Amino acid sequence: MKSYGQYCPISRASEVLAERWTPIILRNILMGATRFNDIAEGAPGLSRALLTTRLRELGRAGVIEIRPKPSGRGSLYEPTAAGRDAWSVLKALGHWGDQWTEVEDENANTAMILWLWCQNYVCRETLPDQRVTVRFDYPDRHGRSARDWLLVEHSEMQRCRFDPGFGDDVVVVVEDPVAFARWHLGLIEWSTALRAGVRLSGNRELRRALPTWNTAPETHRQRRTQRAAVSS
């Protein structure tokens, strides 16, 4: 990483945290993605070569610890005390983005929403007891057709990039990725997202339950309410 050649703490911190993709990579690690492929899943568009470079830079800077997996090949990437302390910086950046930027077509990435949902926002208390497969059809950022699955099993939910092979209990067609993103961020209600262009078919009870499996909308709304109360 290059130096700005300034003693200022903002400059020194920017040398570590302001490189392209670094905040996203560190966010993924702080959200529990400790394996290379898991980190990459939460950074669509990032090349594996650049991810390798950024992880090494974070390791040299003392922000993450890189150590061999206890079994098998590869490494684990875990935050150090400095990395955990950077979470407050990322949250402040997110607060600023929430207040001063809008969700546009180019950043309404449905695959990313599904990854974040599974990584950090699953409401296990409302997941069905039986195995359930939900297929998502949506355009990717280049306008091409894309597809993912959410597999619910054993009180867990995971995103699958390939058909898990159990049949689709629910199919979600995301015709309006911006509306889907705004729902996930708690900016609109699920009913509004449905009217805007999120179509569901399949098992009726599961269609109704699906939005309750995601804690993100309510979490984001509560954070905005808390920030508004502090600033008033």
C-alpha atoms as a PDB file:
ATOM      1  CA  MET A   1       0.000   0.000   0.000  1.00  0.00           C
ATOM      2  CA  LYS A   2       1.210   3.499  -0.840  1.00  0.00           C
ATOM      3  CA  SER A   3       1.868   6.209   1.729  1.00  0.00           C
ATOM      4  CA  TYR A   4       0.401   9.702   1.539  1.00  0.00           C
ATOM      5  CA  GLY A   5       3.541  10.938   3.229  1.00  0.00           C
ATOM      6  CA  GLN A   6       1.602  12.780   5.928  1.00  0.00           C
ATOM      7  CA  TYR A   7       1.723  12.409   9.706  1.00  0.00           C
ATOM      8  CA  CYS A   8      -2.030  13.136  10.068  1.00  0.00           C
ATOM      9  CA  PRO A   9      -3.920  10.185  11.676  1.00  0.00           C
ATOM     10  CA  ILE A  10      -6.602  10.405   8.966  1.00  0.00           C
ATOM     11  CA  SER A  11      -3.871  10.035   6.358  1.00  0.00           C
ATOM     12  CA  ARG A  12      -2.250   7.101   8.172  1.00  0.00           C
ATOM     13  CA  ALA A  13      -5.596   5.332   8.643  1.00  0.00           C
ATOM     14  CA  SER A  14      -6.532   5.936   4.999  1.00  0.00           C
ATOM     15  CA  GLU A  15      -3.346   4.200   3.892  1.00  0.00           C
ATOM     16  CA  VAL A  16      -4.683   1.044   5.529  1.00  0.00           C
ATOM     17  CA  LEU A  17      -8.461   1.266   5.182  1.00  0.00           C
ATOM     18  CA  ALA A  18      -9.174   3.430   2.142  1.00  0.00           C
ATOM     19  CA  GLU A  19      -7.692   1.213  -0.573  1.00  0.00           C
ATOM     20  CA  ARG A  20     -10.255   0.042  -3.133  1.00  0.00           C
ATOM     21  CA  TRP A  21     -12.154  -3.038  -1.880  1.00  0.00           C
ATOM     22  CA  THR A  22     -10.427  -3.001   1.532  1.00  0.00           C
ATOM     23  CA  PRO A  23     -13.471  -1.742   3.517  1.00  0.00           C
ATOM     24  CA  ILE A  24     -15.667  -4.389   1.850  1.00  0.00           C
ATOM     25  CA  ILE A  25     -13.175  -7.169   2.574  1.00  0.00           C
ATOM     26  CA  LEU A  26     -12.814  -6.090   6.208  1.00  0.00           C
ATOM     27  CA  ARG A  27     -16.600  -5.803   6.551  1.00  0.00           C
ATOM     28  CA  ASN A  28     -16.990  -9.389   5.353  1.00  0.00           C
ATOM     29  CA  ILE A  29     -14.376 -10.652   7.807  1.00  0.00           C
ATOM     30  CA  LEU A  30     -15.964  -8.753  10.690  1.00  0.00           C
ATOM     31  CA  MET A  31     -19.309 -10.286   9.750  1.00  0.00           C
ATOM     32  CA  GLY A  32     -17.856 -13.764  10.200  1.00  0.00           C
ATOM     33  CA  ALA A  33     -16.469 -14.688   6.770  1.00  0.00           C
ATOM     34  CA  THR A  34     -13.069 -16.108   7.679  1.00  0.00           C
ATOM     35  CA  ARG A  35     -12.343 -18.314   4.656  1.00  0.00           C
ATOM     36  CA  PHE A  36     -11.112 -17.004   1.311  1.00  0.00           C
ATOM     37  CA  ASN A  37     -14.107 -18.227  -0.699  1.00  0.00           C
ATOM     38  CA  ASP A  38     -16.581 -16.868   1.863  1.00  0.00           C
ATOM     39  CA  ILE A  39     -14.918 -13.443   1.759  1.00  0.00           C
ATOM     40  CA  ALA A  40     -14.983 -13.524  -2.048  1.00  0.00           C
ATOM     41  CA  GLU A  41     -18.692 -14.419  -2.065  1.00  0.00           C
ATOM     42  CA  GLY A  42     -19.396 -11.146  -0.286  1.00  0.00           C
ATOM     43  CA  ALA A  43     -17.387  -9.117  -2.785  1.00  0.00           C
ATOM     44  CA  PRO A  44     -18.817  -9.842  -6.243  1.00  0.00           C
ATOM     45  CA  GLY A  45     -16.674  -8.237  -8.922  1.00  0.00           C
ATOM     46  CA  LEU A  46     -13.434  -8.502  -6.938  1.00  0.00           C
ATOM     47  CA  SER A  47     -10.775 -10.629  -8.615  1.00  0.00           C
ATOM     48  CA  ARG A  48      -9.174 -13.387  -6.599  1.00  0.00           C
ATOM     49  CA  ALA A  49      -5.733 -11.935  -7.305  1.00  0.00           C
ATOM     50  CA  LEU A  50      -6.666  -8.537  -5.875  1.00  0.00           C
ATOM     51  CA  LEU A  51      -8.397 -10.167  -2.905  1.00  0.00           C
ATOM     52  CA  THR A  52      -5.184 -12.061  -2.162  1.00  0.00           C
ATOM     53  CA  THR A  53      -3.205  -8.809  -2.337  1.00  0.00           C
ATOM     54  CA  ARG A  54      -5.589  -6.910  -0.061  1.00  0.00           C
ATOM     55  CA  LEU A  55      -5.647  -9.714   2.512  1.00  0.00           C
ATOM     56  CA  ARG A  56      -1.852  -9.734   2.638  1.00  0.00           C
ATOM     57  CA  GLU A  57      -1.818  -5.947   3.076  1.00  0.00           C
ATOM     58  CA  LEU A  58      -4.323  -6.152   5.933  1.00  0.00           C
ATOM     59  CA  GLY A  59      -2.201  -8.871   7.504  1.00  0.00           C
ATOM     60  CA  ARG A  60       0.988  -6.794   7.262  1.00  0.00           C
ATOM     61  CA  ALA A  61      -0.849  -3.800   8.733  1.00  0.00           C
ATOM     62  CA  GLY A  62      -1.900  -5.879  11.757  1.00  0.00           C
ATOM     63  CA  VAL A  63      -5.614  -5.541  10.996  1.00  0.00           C
ATOM     64  CA  ILE A  64      -6.191  -9.249  10.426  1.00  0.00           C
ATOM     65  CA  GLU A  65      -4.390 -12.421  11.441  1.00  0.00           C
ATOM     66  CA  ILE A  66      -3.716 -14.979   8.712  1.00  0.00           C
ATOM     67  CA  ARG A  67      -3.157 -18.505   9.935  1.00  0.00           C
ATOM     68  CA  PRO A  68      -3.366 -21.982   8.406  1.00  0.00           C
ATOM     69  CA  LYS A  69      -6.607 -23.909   8.665  1.00  0.00           C
ATOM     70  CA  PRO A  70      -6.477 -26.538  11.410  1.00  0.00           C
ATOM     71  CA  SER A  71      -7.220 -29.169   8.786  1.00  0.00           C
ATOM     72  CA  GLY A  72      -6.932 -29.056   5.032  1.00  0.00           C
ATOM     73  CA  ARG A  73      -5.373 -26.501   2.713  1.00  0.00           C
ATOM     74  CA  GLY A  74      -5.811 -22.753   2.830  1.00  0.00           C
ATOM     75  CA  SER A  75      -5.873 -20.075   5.493  1.00  0.00           C
ATOM     76  CA  LEU A  76      -8.222 -18.479   7.970  1.00  0.00           C
ATOM     77  CA  TYR A  77      -8.524 -14.682   8.094  1.00  0.00           C
ATOM     78  CA  GLU A  78      -9.580 -13.299  11.468  1.00  0.00           C
ATOM     79  CA  PRO A  79      -9.651  -9.734  12.809  1.00  0.00           C
ATOM     80  CA  THR A  80      -7.100  -8.583  15.363  1.00  0.00           C
ATOM     81  CA  ALA A  81      -7.935  -6.054  18.066  1.00  0.00           C
ATOM     82  CA  ALA A  82      -7.133  -3.327  15.532  1.00  0.00           C
ATOM     83  CA  GLY A  83      -9.471  -4.951  13.009  1.00  0.00           C
ATOM     84  CA  ARG A  84     -12.317  -5.260  15.492  1.00  0.00           C
ATOM     85  CA  ASP A  85     -11.840  -1.628  16.491  1.00  0.00           C
ATOM     86  CA  ALA A  86     -12.201  -0.640  12.813  1.00  0.00           C
ATOM     87  CA  TRP A  87     -15.826  -1.822  12.935  1.00  0.00           C
ATOM     88  CA  SER A  88     -16.824   1.529  14.431  1.00  0.00           C
ATOM     89  CA  VAL A  89     -15.169   3.263  11.460  1.00  0.00           C
ATOM     90  CA  LEU A  90     -17.084   1.114   8.965  1.00  0.00           C
ATOM     91  CA  LYS A  91     -20.359   1.690  10.800  1.00  0.00           C
ATOM     92  CA  ALA A  92     -19.772   5.455  10.728  1.00  0.00           C
ATOM     93  CA  LEU A  93     -19.102   5.198   6.992  1.00  0.00           C
ATOM     94  CA  GLY A  94     -22.325   3.233   6.602  1.00  0.00           C
ATOM     95  CA  HIS A  95     -24.214   5.849   8.610  1.00  0.00           C
ATOM     96  CA  TRP A  96     -22.963   8.563   6.286  1.00  0.00           C
ATOM     97  CA  GLY A  97     -23.890   6.508   3.209  1.00  0.00           C
ATOM     98  CA  ASP A  98     -27.340   5.798   4.618  1.00  0.00           C
ATOM     99  CA  GLN A  99     -27.961   9.501   5.160  1.00  0.00           C
ATOM    100  CA  TRP A 100     -26.407  11.041   2.061  1.00  0.00           C
ATOM    101  CA  THR A 101     -26.511   8.469  -0.757  1.00  0.00           C
ATOM    102  CA  GLU A 102     -29.312   6.682  -2.607  1.00  0.00           C
ATOM    103  CA  VAL A 103     -29.682   3.089  -3.755  1.00  0.00           C
ATOM    104  CA  GLU A 104     -29.260   3.140  -7.541  1.00  0.00           C
ATOM    105  CA  ASP A 105     -29.536   0.437 -10.202  1.00  0.00           C
ATOM    106  CA  GLU A 106     -25.771  -0.046 -10.354  1.00  0.00           C
ATOM    107  CA  ASN A 107     -25.494  -0.908  -6.636  1.00  0.00           C
ATOM    108  CA  ALA A 108     -28.729  -2.865  -6.157  1.00  0.00           C
ATOM    109  CA  ASN A 109     -26.983  -6.252  -6.264  1.00  0.00           C
ATOM    110  CA  THR A 110     -29.455  -9.015  -5.422  1.00  0.00           C
ATOM    111  CA  ALA A 111     -26.738 -11.650  -4.992  1.00  0.00           C
ATOM    112  CA  MET A 112     -25.041  -9.410  -2.432  1.00  0.00           C
ATOM    113  CA  ILE A 113     -28.301  -8.968  -0.530  1.00  0.00           C
ATOM    114  CA  LEU A 114     -28.775 -12.741  -0.363  1.00  0.00           C
ATOM    115  CA  TRP A 115     -25.194 -13.168   0.885  1.00  0.00           C
ATOM    116  CA  LEU A 116     -25.652 -10.546   3.611  1.00  0.00           C
ATOM    117  CA  TRP A 117     -29.023 -12.010   4.556  1.00  0.00           C
ATOM    118  CA  CYS A 118     -27.502 -15.456   5.104  1.00  0.00           C
ATOM    119  CA  GLN A 119     -24.313 -14.134   6.678  1.00  0.00           C
ATOM    120  CA  ASN A 120     -25.744 -11.828   9.287  1.00  0.00           C
ATOM    121  CA  TYR A 121     -29.519 -11.390   9.171  1.00  0.00           C
ATOM    122  CA  VAL A 122     -31.173 -14.803   9.376  1.00  0.00           C
ATOM    123  CA  CYS A 123     -34.010 -14.986  11.915  1.00  0.00           C
ATOM    124  CA  ARG A 124     -33.650 -18.604  12.956  1.00  0.00           C
ATOM    125  CA  GLU A 125     -36.695 -18.429  15.211  1.00  0.00           C
ATOM    126  CA  THR A 126     -38.997 -17.993  12.202  1.00  0.00           C
ATOM    127  CA  LEU A 127     -37.361 -20.490   9.831  1.00  0.00           C
ATOM    128  CA  PRO A 128     -39.562 -23.468   8.894  1.00  0.00           C
ATOM    129  CA  ASP A 129     -38.885 -26.824  10.502  1.00  0.00           C
ATOM    130  CA  GLN A 130     -38.836 -28.660   7.186  1.00  0.00           C
ATOM    131  CA  ARG A 131     -36.255 -28.332   4.437  1.00  0.00           C
ATOM    132  CA  VAL A 132     -37.180 -25.497   2.078  1.00  0.00           C
ATOM    133  CA  THR A 133     -35.633 -24.305  -1.185  1.00  0.00           C
ATOM    134  CA  VAL A 134     -36.275 -20.765  -2.438  1.00  0.00           C
ATOM    135  CA  ARG A 135     -35.125 -19.866  -5.947  1.00  0.00           C
ATOM    136  CA  PHE A 136     -34.318 -16.267  -6.836  1.00  0.00           C
ATOM    137  CA  ASP A 137     -34.340 -15.142 -10.471  1.00  0.00           C
ATOM    138  CA  TYR A 138     -32.954 -11.676 -11.113  1.00  0.00           C
ATOM    139  CA  PRO A 139     -30.897  -9.628 -13.589  1.00  0.00           C
ATOM    140  CA  ASP A 140     -27.234  -9.234 -12.713  1.00  0.00           C
ATOM    141  CA  ARG A 141     -25.481  -5.864 -12.799  1.00  0.00           C
ATOM    142  CA  HIS A 142     -24.975  -6.242 -16.557  1.00  0.00           C
ATOM    143  CA  GLY A 143     -28.664  -6.943 -17.163  1.00  0.00           C
ATOM    144  CA  ARG A 144     -28.146 -10.664 -17.787  1.00  0.00           C
ATOM    145  CA  SER A 145     -30.348 -13.295 -16.185  1.00  0.00           C
ATOM    146  CA  ALA A 146     -28.947 -14.652 -12.920  1.00  0.00           C
ATOM    147  CA  ARG A 147     -30.174 -17.195 -10.389  1.00  0.00           C
ATOM    148  CA  ASP A 148     -29.467 -18.187  -6.778  1.00  0.00           C
ATOM    149  CA  TRP A 149     -31.101 -20.408  -4.187  1.00  0.00           C
ATOM    150  CA  LEU A 150     -31.664 -20.092  -0.456  1.00  0.00           C
ATOM    151  CA  LEU A 151     -31.617 -23.488   1.232  1.00  0.00           C
ATOM    152  CA  VAL A 152     -33.225 -23.762   4.671  1.00  0.00           C
ATOM    153  CA  GLU A 153     -32.264 -26.875   6.602  1.00  0.00           C
ATOM    154  CA  HIS A 154     -31.634 -27.756  10.260  1.00  0.00           C
ATOM    155  CA  SER A 155     -32.510 -24.207  11.455  1.00  0.00           C
ATOM    156  CA  GLU A 156     -29.881 -22.721   9.148  1.00  0.00           C
ATOM    157  CA  MET A 157     -30.065 -20.908   5.829  1.00  0.00           C
ATOM    158  CA  GLN A 158     -27.391 -20.745   3.151  1.00  0.00           C
ATOM    159  CA  ARG A 159     -27.086 -19.181  -0.273  1.00  0.00           C
ATOM    160  CA  CYS A 160     -26.401 -21.664  -3.072  1.00  0.00           C
ATOM    161  CA  ARG A 161     -25.101 -20.589  -6.463  1.00  0.00           C
ATOM    162  CA  PHE A 162     -26.207 -23.915  -7.972  1.00  0.00           C
ATOM    163  CA  ASP A 163     -29.476 -25.813  -7.692  1.00  0.00           C
ATOM    164  CA  PRO A 164     -29.296 -27.907  -4.485  1.00  0.00           C
ATOM    165  CA  GLY A 165     -31.553 -30.457  -6.206  1.00  0.00           C
ATOM    166  CA  PHE A 166     -34.526 -30.654  -3.849  1.00  0.00           C
ATOM    167  CA  GLY A 167     -37.086 -28.839  -6.000  1.00  0.00           C
ATOM    168  CA  ASP A 168     -38.183 -25.219  -5.628  1.00  0.00           C
ATOM    169  CA  ASP A 169     -40.776 -24.618  -2.915  1.00  0.00           C
ATOM    170  CA  VAL A 170     -40.899 -20.881  -3.651  1.00  0.00           C
ATOM    171  CA  VAL A 171     -39.706 -18.890  -6.664  1.00  0.00           C
ATOM    172  CA  VAL A 172     -38.893 -15.181  -6.244  1.00  0.00           C
ATOM    173  CA  VAL A 173     -38.533 -13.096  -9.401  1.00  0.00           C
ATOM    174  CA  VAL A 174     -36.791  -9.811  -8.590  1.00  0.00           C
ATOM    175  CA  GLU A 175     -37.871  -7.562 -11.451  1.00  0.00           C
ATOM    176  CA  ASP A 176     -36.931  -4.418  -9.502  1.00  0.00           C
ATOM    177  CA  PRO A 177     -33.584  -4.927  -7.700  1.00  0.00           C
ATOM    178  CA  VAL A 178     -33.737  -1.403  -6.246  1.00  0.00           C
ATOM    179  CA  ALA A 179     -37.038  -2.161  -4.509  1.00  0.00           C
ATOM    180  CA  PHE A 180     -35.613  -5.427  -3.153  1.00  0.00           C
ATOM    181  CA  ALA A 181     -32.542  -3.599  -1.832  1.00  0.00           C
ATOM    182  CA  ARG A 182     -34.645  -0.844  -0.279  1.00  0.00           C
ATOM    183  CA  TRP A 183     -36.767  -3.463   1.513  1.00  0.00           C
ATOM    184  CA  HIS A 184     -33.632  -5.181   2.874  1.00  0.00           C
ATOM    185  CA  LEU A 185     -32.432  -1.780   4.146  1.00  0.00           C
ATOM    186  CA  GLY A 186     -35.750  -1.145   5.889  1.00  0.00           C
ATOM    187  CA  LEU A 187     -36.594   1.820   3.664  1.00  0.00           C
ATOM    188  CA  ILE A 188     -39.835   0.329   2.346  1.00  0.00           C
ATOM    189  CA  GLU A 189     -42.247  -2.352   3.513  1.00  0.00           C
ATOM    190  CA  TRP A 190     -42.378  -5.824   1.963  1.00  0.00           C
ATOM    191  CA  SER A 191     -45.808  -5.050   0.530  1.00  0.00           C
ATOM    192  CA  THR A 192     -44.349  -2.037  -1.268  1.00  0.00           C
ATOM    193  CA  ALA A 193     -41.532  -4.157  -2.708  1.00  0.00           C
ATOM    194  CA  LEU A 194     -44.099  -6.636  -4.012  1.00  0.00           C
ATOM    195  CA  ARG A 195     -46.032  -3.881  -5.767  1.00  0.00           C
ATOM    196  CA  ALA A 196     -42.803  -2.436  -7.197  1.00  0.00           C
ATOM    197  CA  GLY A 197     -41.656  -5.634  -8.865  1.00  0.00           C
ATOM    198  CA  VAL A 198     -40.823  -8.571  -6.587  1.00  0.00           C
ATOM    199  CA  ARG A 199     -42.946 -11.554  -7.678  1.00  0.00           C
ATOM    200  CA  LEU A 200     -43.459 -14.760  -5.696  1.00  0.00           C
ATOM    201  CA  SER A 201     -44.930 -18.119  -6.654  1.00  0.00           C
ATOM    202  CA  GLY A 202     -45.124 -21.492  -4.956  1.00  0.00           C
ATOM    203  CA  ASN A 203     -46.228 -22.618  -1.504  1.00  0.00           C
ATOM    204  CA  ARG A 204     -48.584 -19.980  -0.097  1.00  0.00           C
ATOM    205  CA  GLU A 205     -47.577 -20.290   3.565  1.00  0.00           C
ATOM    206  CA  LEU A 206     -43.889 -20.124   2.732  1.00  0.00           C
ATOM    207  CA  ARG A 207     -44.444 -17.078   0.504  1.00  0.00           C
ATOM    208  CA  ARG A 208     -46.056 -15.274   3.418  1.00  0.00           C
ATOM    209  CA  ALA A 209     -43.339 -16.352   5.867  1.00  0.00           C
ATOM    210  CA  LEU A 210     -40.343 -15.528   3.657  1.00  0.00           C
ATOM    211  CA  PRO A 211     -39.855 -11.851   4.687  1.00  0.00           C
ATOM    212  CA  THR A 212     -39.961 -12.819   8.379  1.00  0.00           C
ATOM    213  CA  TRP A 213     -36.767 -14.830   7.911  1.00  0.00           C
ATOM    214  CA  ASN A 214     -34.810 -11.604   7.409  1.00  0.00           C
ATOM    215  CA  THR A 215     -33.974  -9.396  10.402  1.00  0.00           C
ATOM    216  CA  ALA A 216     -32.227  -6.723   8.296  1.00  0.00           C
ATOM    217  CA  PRO A 217     -35.219  -4.425   7.592  1.00  0.00           C
ATOM    218  CA  GLU A 218     -36.154  -4.050  11.253  1.00  0.00           C
ATOM    219  CA  THR A 219     -32.505  -3.836  12.346  1.00  0.00           C
ATOM    220  CA  HIS A 220     -31.824  -0.988   9.916  1.00  0.00           C
ATOM    221  CA  ARG A 221     -35.017   0.843  10.940  1.00  0.00           C
ATOM    222  CA  GLN A 222     -34.102   0.597  14.625  1.00  0.00           C
ATOM    223  CA  ARG A 223     -30.610   1.961  13.954  1.00  0.00           C
ATOM    224  CA  ARG A 224     -32.045   4.965  12.122  1.00  0.00           C
ATOM    225  CA  THR A 225     -34.478   5.611  14.963  1.00  0.00           C
ATOM    226  CA  GLN A 226     -31.664   5.424  17.531  1.00  0.00           C
ATOM    227  CA  ARG A 227     -29.453   7.789  15.539  1.00  0.00           C
ATOM    228  CA  ALA A 228     -32.318  10.243  15.122  1.00  0.00           C
ATOM    229  CA  ALA A 229     -32.983  10.181  18.873  1.00  0.00           C
ATOM    230  CA  VAL A 230     -29.300  10.850  19.647  1.00  0.00           C
ATOM    231  CA  SER A 231     -29.049  13.728  17.183  1.00  0.00           C
ATOM    232  CA  SER A 232     -32.316  15.425  18.238  1.00  0.00           C
END
